[in-house]
Amino acid sequence: MKKTILALCALVALNAQAQEDKGITLSGSIQSDMLVFPEDDPKIGTDYGTNKDFLTNTYAELHLQSKYVSAGARLEYMENPLPGFEKDFAGWGVPHMYLKGHFKNAELTVGDFYDQFGSGLIFRAYEERALGIDNSLRGARLAASPFKGVNLKLLAGQQREYWQDRWANDHAPLVSGVDLEVNIDAFSRKMQEKNIYLMLGVSGVAKFEEQENLMMLVNKMPC
C-alpha cells in the first residue's frame, strides 16, 4: 500500500510562569515539528526506511529567573530528523544549558550562550531551527558597563558541532573575542539635547581550529 504524507507542526508556548514572593520566575516552551508516514520517492532521493514512519524535530526549554541568578536548559529530540536535515542531526539530549549571574553593572554567563558583535559581521552566534543552524558557544561570557556610555564584552568558548560532547572534546573549535562600544553622546549634553547619537565600536575575534576540522568544513557546517 502506498504511503501518504501527513505533516504536522505543533508549537506550544507554555509560558507557564510560577512566581514566588522571592521574585523567582519559571517559564518554559515546547516546539515540535512532525512528519507522519512520509512517502518514499527514490527519484527525488527521499528514502526514510521501513522503521521511520514518524519524523520529528522537538525542542523543550525550561528557564528559571531571579533578580541575581538565571538558569536554563533545552532538551532536543531529533532521533529521526525531518527531511532536509543532514544525518548528523540525528540524536537527542540536552545540548544547551547555562547559568547566569546578574550584578550591578555586569552580567556573567557560564555554559551555552549566543551573542554577536556589532552587526555580526565578524562574530555572530545564533540559532535558526528552520535552517538547522545552532553555532552556540559553550564557555564563559562577561558583559559589563564599567562607565557610563561604555559597554564591554569578553567571551570564550567552544562552538557546537552537531552532537559532539564539547566538555570532553579537546578538538572542538575554540573561539574567543572582545567587543567595546562607546556611546559618544553619553558624554555630551548638547548632543543629547539635539537628539544626536554617535557610537564607536571595536571588536576582535580569534578562532583556533585544528587542521582536520578545517578539512571537514568543506563538506559540512556546524549545527
Protein backbone atom coordinates (compact mmCIF):
# COMPACT_ATOMS: atom_id res chain seq x y z
CA MET A 1 0.00 0.00 0.00
CA LYS A 2 1.37 3.36 -0.96
CA LYS A 3 2.17 5.60 1.97
CA THR A 4 0.64 9.02 2.32
CA ILE A 5 2.25 12.15 3.65
CA LEU A 6 0.89 13.82 6.73
CA ALA A 7 2.75 16.84 8.01
CA LEU A 8 2.11 18.19 11.45
CA CYS A 9 3.57 21.23 13.10
CA ALA A 10 2.97 21.95 16.74
CA LEU A 11 4.24 24.97 18.61
CA VAL A 12 3.20 25.13 22.20
CA ALA A 13 4.38 28.17 24.10
CA LEU A 14 3.61 27.12 27.60
CA ASN A 15 4.95 30.26 29.25
CA ALA A 16 3.58 28.71 32.39
CA GLN A 17 5.07 31.06 34.89
CA ALA A 18 5.17 30.47 38.61
CA GLN A 19 6.23 33.39 40.74
CA GLU A 20 7.05 33.25 44.40
CA ASP A 21 7.41 36.00 46.93
CA LYS A 22 11.17 35.95 46.38
CA GLY A 23 10.73 37.03 42.73
CA ILE A 24 11.57 33.69 41.13
CA THR A 25 10.05 33.06 37.70
CA LEU A 26 9.81 29.68 36.00
CA SER A 27 8.92 29.56 32.30
CA GLY A 28 9.12 27.03 29.51
CA SER A 29 8.15 26.24 25.94
CA ILE A 30 7.75 23.23 23.65
CA GLN A 31 8.10 23.19 19.87
CA SER A 32 7.58 20.04 17.82
CA ASP A 33 7.66 19.77 14.01
CA MET A 34 6.45 16.33 12.89
CA LEU A 35 6.15 14.35 9.69
CA VAL A 36 3.99 11.20 9.92
CA PHE A 37 4.01 8.39 7.33
CA PRO A 38 6.37 10.06 4.84
CA GLU A 39 6.31 8.70 1.32
CA ASP A 40 9.49 7.21 -0.16
CA ASP A 41 10.39 8.53 -3.57
CA PRO A 42 13.79 7.35 -4.87
CA LYS A 43 13.53 9.73 -7.82
CA ILE A 44 13.97 12.75 -5.58
CA GLY A 45 16.16 10.98 -3.04
CA THR A 46 13.68 10.55 -0.19
CA ASP A 47 14.18 7.12 1.34
CA TYR A 48 13.26 7.07 5.01
CA GLY A 49 13.46 3.31 5.61
CA THR A 50 10.88 0.87 6.90
CA ASN A 51 11.11 1.90 10.56
CA LYS A 52 10.84 5.65 10.10
CA ASP A 53 7.12 6.35 9.92
CA PHE A 54 7.46 9.25 12.35
CA LEU A 55 10.00 12.06 11.88
CA THR A 56 10.26 14.94 14.31
CA ASN A 57 12.37 17.87 15.44
CA THR A 58 11.27 18.59 19.01
CA TYR A 59 12.58 21.21 21.42
CA ALA A 60 11.63 21.72 25.07
CA GLU A 61 13.03 24.62 27.08
CA LEU A 62 12.90 25.50 30.76
CA HIS A 63 14.17 28.76 32.29
CA LEU A 64 14.48 29.89 35.89
CA GLN A 65 14.93 33.60 36.53
CA SER A 66 15.52 35.66 39.65
CA LYS A 67 17.00 39.04 40.45
CA TYR A 68 20.58 37.85 40.73
CA VAL A 69 20.70 34.41 39.11
CA SER A 70 19.19 32.83 36.00
CA ALA A 71 19.50 29.30 34.68
CA GLY A 72 18.06 27.27 31.86
CA ALA A 73 18.31 24.20 29.67
CA ARG A 74 16.96 22.93 26.36
CA LEU A 75 16.11 19.34 25.50
CA GLU A 76 16.26 18.39 21.82
CA TYR A 77 14.81 15.19 20.37
CA MET A 78 15.85 14.57 16.77
CA GLU A 79 16.36 10.80 16.66
CA ASN A 80 14.74 10.80 13.21
CA PRO A 81 15.08 14.39 11.92
CA LEU A 82 12.85 15.98 9.31
CA PRO A 83 13.72 15.92 5.59
CA GLY A 84 16.35 18.44 4.59
CA PHE A 85 18.43 17.94 7.73
CA GLU A 86 21.72 16.08 7.46
CA LYS A 87 22.14 12.68 9.10
CA ASP A 88 24.48 14.26 11.68
CA PHE A 89 21.45 15.99 13.19
CA ALA A 90 20.12 12.61 14.37
CA GLY A 91 20.26 12.29 18.14
CA TRP A 92 18.77 13.60 21.32
CA GLY A 93 19.94 15.12 24.58
CA VAL A 94 20.46 18.44 26.37
CA PRO A 95 22.93 20.37 24.21
CA HIS A 96 22.12 23.77 25.72
CA MET A 97 22.37 24.76 29.39
CA TYR A 98 23.51 27.89 31.16
CA LEU A 99 23.91 29.66 34.49
CA LYS A 100 23.87 33.45 34.53
CA GLY A 101 24.73 35.88 37.31
CA HIS A 102 23.36 39.44 37.34
CA PHE A 103 25.38 42.15 39.06
CA LYS A 104 25.07 45.92 39.31
CA ASN A 105 26.98 46.75 36.14
CA ALA A 106 27.83 43.34 34.76
CA GLU A 107 26.42 40.00 33.67
CA LEU A 108 28.37 36.73 33.76
CA THR A 109 27.23 33.64 31.84
CA VAL A 110 28.71 30.18 32.19
CA GLY A 111 27.62 27.38 29.87
CA ASP A 112 25.98 27.80 26.45
CA PHE A 113 25.18 31.24 25.07
CA TYR A 114 24.50 33.30 21.94
CA ASP A 115 25.82 36.76 21.13
CA GLN A 116 27.10 38.97 18.36
CA PHE A 117 29.50 41.88 17.99
CA GLY A 118 28.04 44.94 16.31
CA SER A 119 26.15 43.98 13.16
CA GLY A 120 27.51 40.44 13.38
CA LEU A 121 29.99 40.64 10.51
CA ILE A 122 32.95 39.26 12.46
CA PHE A 123 31.11 37.33 15.15
CA ARG A 124 27.58 36.04 15.47
CA ALA A 125 26.48 33.00 17.45
CA TYR A 126 22.78 32.35 16.92
CA GLU A 127 20.09 29.71 16.45
CA GLU A 128 17.79 29.30 13.44
CA ARG A 129 15.96 26.00 13.82
CA ALA A 130 14.20 26.07 10.46
CA LEU A 131 17.58 26.27 8.70
CA GLY A 132 19.34 23.84 11.02
CA ILE A 133 21.74 26.45 12.42
CA ASP A 134 22.93 26.43 16.02
CA ASN A 135 26.51 27.62 16.44
CA SER A 136 26.27 28.46 20.13
CA LEU A 137 29.37 28.75 22.28
CA ARG A 138 29.97 26.73 25.43
CA GLY A 139 32.25 28.58 27.80
CA ALA A 140 32.02 31.93 29.58
CA ARG A 141 30.77 35.39 28.67
CA LEU A 142 31.13 38.66 30.57
CA ALA A 143 29.14 41.75 29.60
CA ALA A 144 29.87 44.86 31.64
CA SER A 145 29.32 48.62 31.68
CA PRO A 146 32.25 49.88 33.75
CA PHE A 147 31.50 53.51 32.93
CA LYS A 148 28.54 55.49 31.65
CA GLY A 149 28.24 55.02 27.90
CA VAL A 150 30.84 52.23 27.78
CA ASN A 151 29.87 48.61 27.08
CA LEU A 152 32.39 45.78 27.15
CA LYS A 153 32.04 42.12 26.22
CA LEU A 154 34.56 39.33 26.82
CA LEU A 155 33.83 35.76 25.78
CA ALA A 156 35.47 32.43 25.07
CA GLY A 157 34.07 29.01 24.30
CA GLN A 158 33.82 26.02 22.02
CA GLN A 159 31.43 26.02 19.09
CA ARG A 160 28.67 23.46 18.85
CA GLU A 161 29.06 20.86 16.14
CA TYR A 162 26.03 18.59 15.98
CA TRP A 163 26.06 16.21 18.98
CA GLN A 164 29.73 16.23 19.89
CA ASP A 165 30.39 16.43 23.62
CA ARG A 166 32.17 19.75 23.97
CA TRP A 167 33.04 19.15 27.62
CA ALA A 168 35.11 16.10 26.65
CA ASN A 169 36.20 17.12 23.15
CA ASP A 170 39.57 18.87 23.09
CA HIS A 171 39.41 19.23 19.31
CA ALA A 172 36.27 21.38 19.11
CA PRO A 173 36.82 24.87 17.60
CA LEU A 174 37.72 27.42 20.28
CA VAL A 175 36.53 30.99 19.82
CA SER A 176 37.48 33.99 21.94
CA GLY A 177 36.68 37.63 21.46
CA VAL A 178 36.33 41.12 22.87
CA ASP A 179 33.91 43.88 21.91
CA LEU A 180 33.98 47.50 23.07
CA GLU A 181 31.29 50.08 22.36
CA VAL A 182 31.45 53.73 23.40
CA ASN A 183 28.39 55.96 23.14
CA ILE A 184 29.86 59.41 22.46
CA ASP A 185 26.52 61.14 23.06
CA ALA A 186 26.59 59.95 26.67
CA PHE A 187 29.42 62.42 27.33
CA SER A 188 27.89 65.40 25.50
CA ARG A 189 24.82 67.22 26.82
CA LYS A 190 24.50 69.22 23.59
CA MET A 191 24.24 66.02 21.55
CA GLN A 192 21.58 64.71 23.89
CA GLU A 193 19.58 67.93 23.66
CA LYS A 194 19.67 67.74 19.85
CA ASN A 195 18.91 64.00 19.82
CA ILE A 196 22.21 63.21 18.13
CA TYR A 197 23.53 59.72 18.78
CA LEU A 198 27.03 58.54 17.94
CA MET A 199 28.53 55.21 18.85
CA LEU A 200 32.03 53.92 18.18
CA GLY A 201 32.91 50.27 18.43
CA VAL A 202 35.89 47.97 18.05
CA SER A 203 35.92 44.18 18.10
CA GLY A 204 38.44 41.39 17.88
CA VAL A 205 37.88 37.65 17.42
CA ALA A 206 40.31 34.74 17.48
CA LYS A 207 39.44 31.19 16.45
CA PHE A 208 41.59 28.11 16.93
CA GLU A 209 40.69 25.07 14.90
CA GLU A 210 42.77 22.03 14.12
CA GLN A 211 43.62 21.25 10.51
CA GLU A 212 41.49 18.12 10.38
CA ASN A 213 38.43 20.14 11.39
CA LEU A 214 39.14 22.72 8.69
CA MET A 215 39.06 19.99 6.05
CA MET A 216 35.67 18.79 7.33
CA LEU A 217 34.17 22.27 6.85
CA VAL A 218 34.32 21.78 3.10
CA ASN A 219 31.59 19.16 3.29
CA LYS A 220 29.55 20.13 6.34
CA MET A 221 28.72 23.10 8.51
CA PRO A 222 28.30 23.41 12.31
CA CYS A 223 24.86 22.51 13.65
